[in-house]
């Protein structure tokens, strides 16, 4: 018996659609995920490497998620939105630091601790991106002390850079 004509075309069209969508950077496991583009960079204070530090990007577009990443002691970071290393959706963002309870952050001006006050502005393009975030020590008063003492030691096996799941914006849909 011959298959109806409609079913002969449905499977190939479905496969073609899936192949076309495979190139998008959004996470297929997250409903309505925005396409993401790789983002790596360096954060400095007066031109010198700054870290460890949690970095977040904030967009005025409340439907965009909040990408983030962990800068190591050399200031190097890779951002993620849905999964490790996927980057961030294209657009304009304010970059700010997030106090991390698992890692003491070096001293820095408090202006960089909130999206409302930071002066670090970045653009994520629809291509691989490399950012340089340069903070200035004379930008304002120092941030309050870290939430953990500098002499505290993390338990064995704890990696602050991997201690967080995907970071989502307030209006992001699951």
Foldseek 3Di string as FASTA:
>chain_A
DDDPPVVVPPVVVVVVVVVVCVPFLFDPVFPPGHGFAKEKEFEEEVPAGWDQWKKWWDDPPLQFFIWIFTQHRRRITIIDAADPRSHGHFDKTFMATDQDLQAWGDKAQCQRHDRVRGPFMDGDDPYHYYDYHYHYRPPHDIDPGGPDDNPDDHDPPDDSRPPDHHTTGPPYDD
